[in-house]
Amino acid sequence: MQLELVTGVLLDLDGAPVCFSWREKSYTVCSRPVRWYSRRLWWQEAAAAPKGVGAELVEIEMWRLWAVSETDRVFFELTHKMPEDQWEIARGS
């Protein structure tokens, strides 16, 4: 699946997503999200590392969770790219 942008991400106090919008639908997380970190393909994404940027250049935050909308219950893998603070769907099924 090609990465798609997620908007309106709201987080709990621990930084886990609790709700978000995707494909013009609002989703509420209905499971305990699982977080891990993966390696970015930084050599493809950045021509040069900005001064002061370290781990966030190499690591990407990943979240695995179930979420519900008014009509669907979907399993998602979300990516959270920092320092851009950009959320994307890595997998939705």
N, C-alpha and C. Protein backbone atom coordinates (compact mmCIF):
# COMPACT_ATOMS: atom_id res chain seq x y z
N MET A 1 0.83 -1.19 0.00
CA MET A 1 0.00 0.00 0.00
C MET A 1 0.87 1.24 0.00
N GLN A 2 0.52 2.18 -0.81
CA GLN A 2 1.24 3.44 -0.86
C GLN A 2 0.87 4.27 0.37
N LEU A 3 1.86 4.99 0.90
CA LEU A 3 1.60 5.82 2.08
C LEU A 3 0.61 6.92 1.76
N GLU A 4 -0.36 7.11 2.67
CA GLU A 4 -1.36 8.15 2.52
C GLU A 4 -1.35 9.03 3.76
N LEU A 5 -1.57 10.30 3.57
CA LEU A 5 -1.55 11.26 4.66
C LEU A 5 -2.73 11.07 5.60
N VAL A 6 -2.47 11.20 6.90
CA VAL A 6 -3.49 11.17 7.95
C VAL A 6 -3.53 12.57 8.55
N THR A 7 -4.72 13.08 8.82
CA THR A 7 -4.84 14.43 9.37
C THR A 7 -5.58 14.40 10.70
N GLY A 8 -5.55 15.52 11.40
CA GLY A 8 -6.30 15.69 12.63
C GLY A 8 -5.96 14.69 13.72
N VAL A 9 -4.70 14.29 13.80
CA VAL A 9 -4.30 13.28 14.79
C VAL A 9 -4.29 13.92 16.18
N LEU A 10 -5.05 13.34 17.08
CA LEU A 10 -5.04 13.75 18.49
C LEU A 10 -4.35 12.67 19.29
N LEU A 11 -3.53 13.09 20.26
CA LEU A 11 -2.72 12.17 21.05
C LEU A 11 -3.13 12.18 22.51
N ASP A 12 -2.89 11.06 23.20
CA ASP A 12 -3.10 11.04 24.65
C ASP A 12 -1.84 11.58 25.34
N LEU A 13 -1.82 11.54 26.65
CA LEU A 13 -0.70 12.11 27.40
C LEU A 13 0.61 11.36 27.17
N ASP A 14 0.53 10.09 26.73
CA ASP A 14 1.73 9.30 26.44
C ASP A 14 2.19 9.44 24.99
N GLY A 15 1.48 10.24 24.20
CA GLY A 15 1.85 10.45 22.80
C GLY A 15 1.25 9.44 21.84
N ALA A 16 0.33 8.60 22.31
CA ALA A 16 -0.33 7.61 21.44
C ALA A 16 -1.54 8.23 20.75
N PRO A 17 -1.77 7.88 19.49
CA PRO A 17 -2.94 8.43 18.79
C PRO A 17 -4.25 7.90 19.40
N VAL A 18 -5.24 8.80 19.53
CA VAL A 18 -6.56 8.40 20.02
C VAL A 18 -7.64 8.60 18.96
N CYS A 19 -7.40 9.50 18.01
CA CYS A 19 -8.32 9.67 16.89
C CYS A 19 -7.59 10.38 15.76
N PHE A 20 -8.13 10.22 14.54
CA PHE A 20 -7.52 10.81 13.35
C PHE A 20 -8.52 10.76 12.20
N SER A 21 -8.20 11.44 11.12
CA SER A 21 -9.02 11.44 9.91
C SER A 21 -8.22 10.86 8.76
N TRP A 22 -8.92 10.05 7.94
CA TRP A 22 -8.31 9.43 6.76
C TRP A 22 -9.39 9.19 5.73
N ARG A 23 -9.13 9.61 4.51
CA ARG A 23 -10.08 9.44 3.40
C ARG A 23 -11.46 9.99 3.76
N GLU A 24 -11.47 11.18 4.35
CA GLU A 24 -12.68 11.91 4.69
C GLU A 24 -13.55 11.22 5.73
N LYS A 25 -12.96 10.31 6.53
CA LYS A 25 -13.65 9.67 7.64
C LYS A 25 -12.88 9.94 8.92
N SER A 26 -13.62 10.06 10.02
CA SER A 26 -13.00 10.20 11.34
C SER A 26 -12.94 8.84 12.00
N TYR A 27 -11.77 8.51 12.58
CA TYR A 27 -11.56 7.23 13.25
C TYR A 27 -11.19 7.47 14.71
N THR A 28 -11.70 6.61 15.57
CA THR A 28 -11.36 6.60 16.99
C THR A 28 -10.65 5.29 17.28
N VAL A 29 -9.51 5.39 17.93
CA VAL A 29 -8.73 4.20 18.27
C VAL A 29 -9.50 3.39 19.31
N CYS A 30 -9.65 2.07 19.04
CA CYS A 30 -10.44 1.21 19.94
C CYS A 30 -9.61 0.07 20.53
N SER A 31 -8.30 0.14 20.38
CA SER A 31 -7.42 -0.85 20.99
C SER A 31 -6.24 -0.11 21.61
N ARG A 32 -5.48 -0.81 22.39
CA ARG A 32 -4.27 -0.20 22.93
C ARG A 32 -3.21 -0.15 21.83
N PRO A 33 -2.80 1.03 21.40
CA PRO A 33 -1.80 1.13 20.33
C PRO A 33 -0.45 0.56 20.77
N VAL A 34 0.23 -0.08 19.83
CA VAL A 34 1.56 -0.62 20.07
C VAL A 34 2.54 0.23 19.28
N ARG A 35 3.57 0.73 19.97
CA ARG A 35 4.56 1.61 19.32
C ARG A 35 5.90 0.89 19.20
N TRP A 36 6.58 1.14 18.09
CA TRP A 36 7.96 0.70 17.89
C TRP A 36 8.62 1.67 16.93
N TYR A 37 9.90 1.50 16.74
CA TYR A 37 10.64 2.38 15.84
C TYR A 37 11.26 1.57 14.71
N SER A 38 11.23 2.14 13.53
CA SER A 38 11.81 1.52 12.35
C SER A 38 12.84 2.48 11.78
N ARG A 39 13.67 2.00 10.89
CA ARG A 39 14.67 2.86 10.24
C ARG A 39 14.09 3.52 9.00
N ARG A 40 14.36 4.80 8.86
CA ARG A 40 13.98 5.54 7.66
C ARG A 40 14.99 5.28 6.55
N LEU A 41 14.55 5.45 5.34
CA LEU A 41 15.46 5.42 4.20
C LEU A 41 15.99 6.84 4.02
N TRP A 42 16.76 7.29 5.00
CA TRP A 42 17.18 8.69 5.06
C TRP A 42 17.99 9.09 3.85
N TRP A 43 18.74 8.19 3.26
CA TRP A 43 19.57 8.52 2.11
C TRP A 43 18.72 8.83 0.88
N GLN A 44 17.44 8.39 0.88
CA GLN A 44 16.53 8.70 -0.21
C GLN A 44 15.68 9.93 0.08
N GLU A 45 15.51 10.24 1.37
CA GLU A 45 14.59 11.29 1.78
C GLU A 45 15.25 12.64 2.04
N ALA A 46 16.53 12.65 2.36
CA ALA A 46 17.18 13.91 2.74
C ALA A 46 18.51 14.05 2.02
N ALA A 47 18.69 15.17 1.39
CA ALA A 47 19.96 15.42 0.70
C ALA A 47 21.08 15.66 1.70
N ALA A 48 20.76 16.34 2.79
CA ALA A 48 21.74 16.63 3.84
C ALA A 48 21.02 16.73 5.17
N ALA A 49 21.68 16.32 6.21
CA ALA A 49 21.08 16.39 7.53
C ALA A 49 21.12 17.81 8.05
N PRO A 50 19.98 18.36 8.47
CA PRO A 50 19.97 19.69 9.07
C PRO A 50 20.74 19.68 10.38
N LYS A 51 21.37 20.78 10.71
CA LYS A 51 22.13 20.88 11.94
C LYS A 51 21.22 20.64 13.14
N GLY A 52 21.70 19.80 14.07
CA GLY A 52 20.96 19.51 15.28
C GLY A 52 19.99 18.35 15.17
N VAL A 53 19.83 17.76 14.00
CA VAL A 53 18.91 16.64 13.82
C VAL A 53 19.69 15.35 13.96
N GLY A 54 19.17 14.44 14.77
CA GLY A 54 19.88 13.18 15.01
C GLY A 54 19.01 11.98 14.78
N ALA A 55 18.49 11.40 15.88
CA ALA A 55 17.74 10.15 15.80
C ALA A 55 16.52 10.26 14.90
N GLU A 56 15.84 11.41 14.90
CA GLU A 56 14.64 11.53 14.08
C GLU A 56 14.94 11.46 12.58
N LEU A 57 16.19 11.65 12.20
CA LEU A 57 16.58 11.48 10.80
C LEU A 57 16.65 10.01 10.43
N VAL A 58 17.02 9.18 11.37
CA VAL A 58 17.24 7.75 11.12
C VAL A 58 16.03 6.91 11.51
N GLU A 59 15.35 7.28 12.59
CA GLU A 59 14.25 6.48 13.10
C GLU A 59 12.89 7.09 12.76
N ILE A 60 11.93 6.21 12.56
CA ILE A 60 10.55 6.64 12.32
C ILE A 60 9.66 5.91 13.33
N GLU A 61 8.79 6.66 13.97
CA GLU A 61 7.88 6.10 14.96
C GLU A 61 6.74 5.39 14.24
N MET A 62 6.44 4.17 14.67
CA MET A 62 5.38 3.36 14.07
C MET A 62 4.34 3.02 15.14
N TRP A 63 3.07 2.96 14.72
CA TRP A 63 1.99 2.60 15.63
C TRP A 63 1.10 1.56 14.96
N ARG A 64 0.76 0.51 15.68
CA ARG A 64 -0.15 -0.53 15.20
C ARG A 64 -1.39 -0.48 16.10
N LEU A 65 -2.59 -0.39 15.47
CA LEU A 65 -3.81 -0.20 16.26
C LEU A 65 -5.05 -0.57 15.46
N TRP A 66 -6.16 -0.76 16.17
CA TRP A 66 -7.49 -0.88 15.58
C TRP A 66 -8.21 0.44 15.81
N ALA A 67 -9.00 0.85 14.81
CA ALA A 67 -9.77 2.09 14.93
C ALA A 67 -11.13 1.90 14.28
N VAL A 68 -12.11 2.64 14.77
CA VAL A 68 -13.47 2.55 14.23
C VAL A 68 -13.92 3.90 13.71
N SER A 69 -14.72 3.85 12.64
CA SER A 69 -15.43 5.02 12.15
C SER A 69 -16.92 4.71 12.32
N GLU A 70 -17.79 5.52 11.73
CA GLU A 70 -19.22 5.24 11.83
C GLU A 70 -19.60 3.95 11.13
N THR A 71 -18.81 3.54 10.13
CA THR A 71 -19.18 2.37 9.32
C THR A 71 -18.15 1.26 9.30
N ASP A 72 -16.92 1.50 9.77
CA ASP A 72 -15.84 0.52 9.62
C ASP A 72 -15.11 0.28 10.93
N ARG A 73 -14.50 -0.89 11.02
CA ARG A 73 -13.49 -1.20 12.04
C ARG A 73 -12.26 -1.65 11.26
N VAL A 74 -11.16 -0.91 11.38
CA VAL A 74 -10.00 -1.11 10.51
C VAL A 74 -8.73 -1.25 11.35
N PHE A 75 -7.85 -2.18 10.91
CA PHE A 75 -6.53 -2.33 11.52
C PHE A 75 -5.56 -1.43 10.76
N PHE A 76 -4.82 -0.59 11.48
CA PHE A 76 -3.91 0.37 10.86
C PHE A 76 -2.49 0.19 11.37
N GLU A 77 -1.55 0.52 10.52
CA GLU A 77 -0.18 0.81 10.91
C GLU A 77 0.07 2.24 10.49
N LEU A 78 0.33 3.10 11.47
CA LEU A 78 0.59 4.51 11.22
C LEU A 78 2.07 4.79 11.36
N THR A 79 2.57 5.70 10.55
CA THR A 79 3.93 6.19 10.72
C THR A 79 3.87 7.63 11.18
N HIS A 80 4.79 8.00 12.04
CA HIS A 80 4.88 9.38 12.53
C HIS A 80 6.28 9.87 12.25
N LYS A 81 6.41 10.71 11.24
CA LYS A 81 7.72 11.23 10.87
C LYS A 81 8.00 12.51 11.65
N MET A 82 9.15 12.51 12.29
CA MET A 82 9.59 13.69 13.03
C MET A 82 10.90 14.15 12.42
N PRO A 83 11.25 15.36 12.36
CA PRO A 83 10.62 16.48 13.06
C PRO A 83 9.45 17.11 12.29
N GLU A 84 9.06 16.54 11.14
CA GLU A 84 7.98 17.12 10.33
C GLU A 84 6.62 17.04 11.02
N ASP A 85 6.47 16.13 11.99
CA ASP A 85 5.20 15.84 12.65
C ASP A 85 4.16 15.45 11.61
N GLN A 86 4.56 14.57 10.70
CA GLN A 86 3.68 14.11 9.62
C GLN A 86 3.25 12.68 9.90
N TRP A 87 1.93 12.43 9.83
CA TRP A 87 1.36 11.11 10.06
C TRP A 87 0.90 10.53 8.74
N GLU A 88 1.18 9.23 8.55
CA GLU A 88 0.77 8.55 7.32
C GLU A 88 0.29 7.14 7.66
N ILE A 89 -0.53 6.59 6.77
CA ILE A 89 -0.97 5.20 6.88
C ILE A 89 0.05 4.35 6.14
N ALA A 90 0.68 3.43 6.85
CA ALA A 90 1.56 2.47 6.19
C ALA A 90 0.75 1.27 5.73
N ARG A 91 -0.32 0.98 6.49
CA ARG A 91 -1.20 -0.13 6.13
C ARG A 91 -2.56 0.09 6.77
N GLY A 92 -3.61 -0.12 6.01
CA GLY A 92 -4.97 -0.06 6.51
C GLY A 92 -5.77 -1.18 5.88
N SER A 93 -6.32 -2.06 6.70
CA SER A 93 -7.08 -3.18 6.14
C SER A 93 -8.25 -3.54 7.03
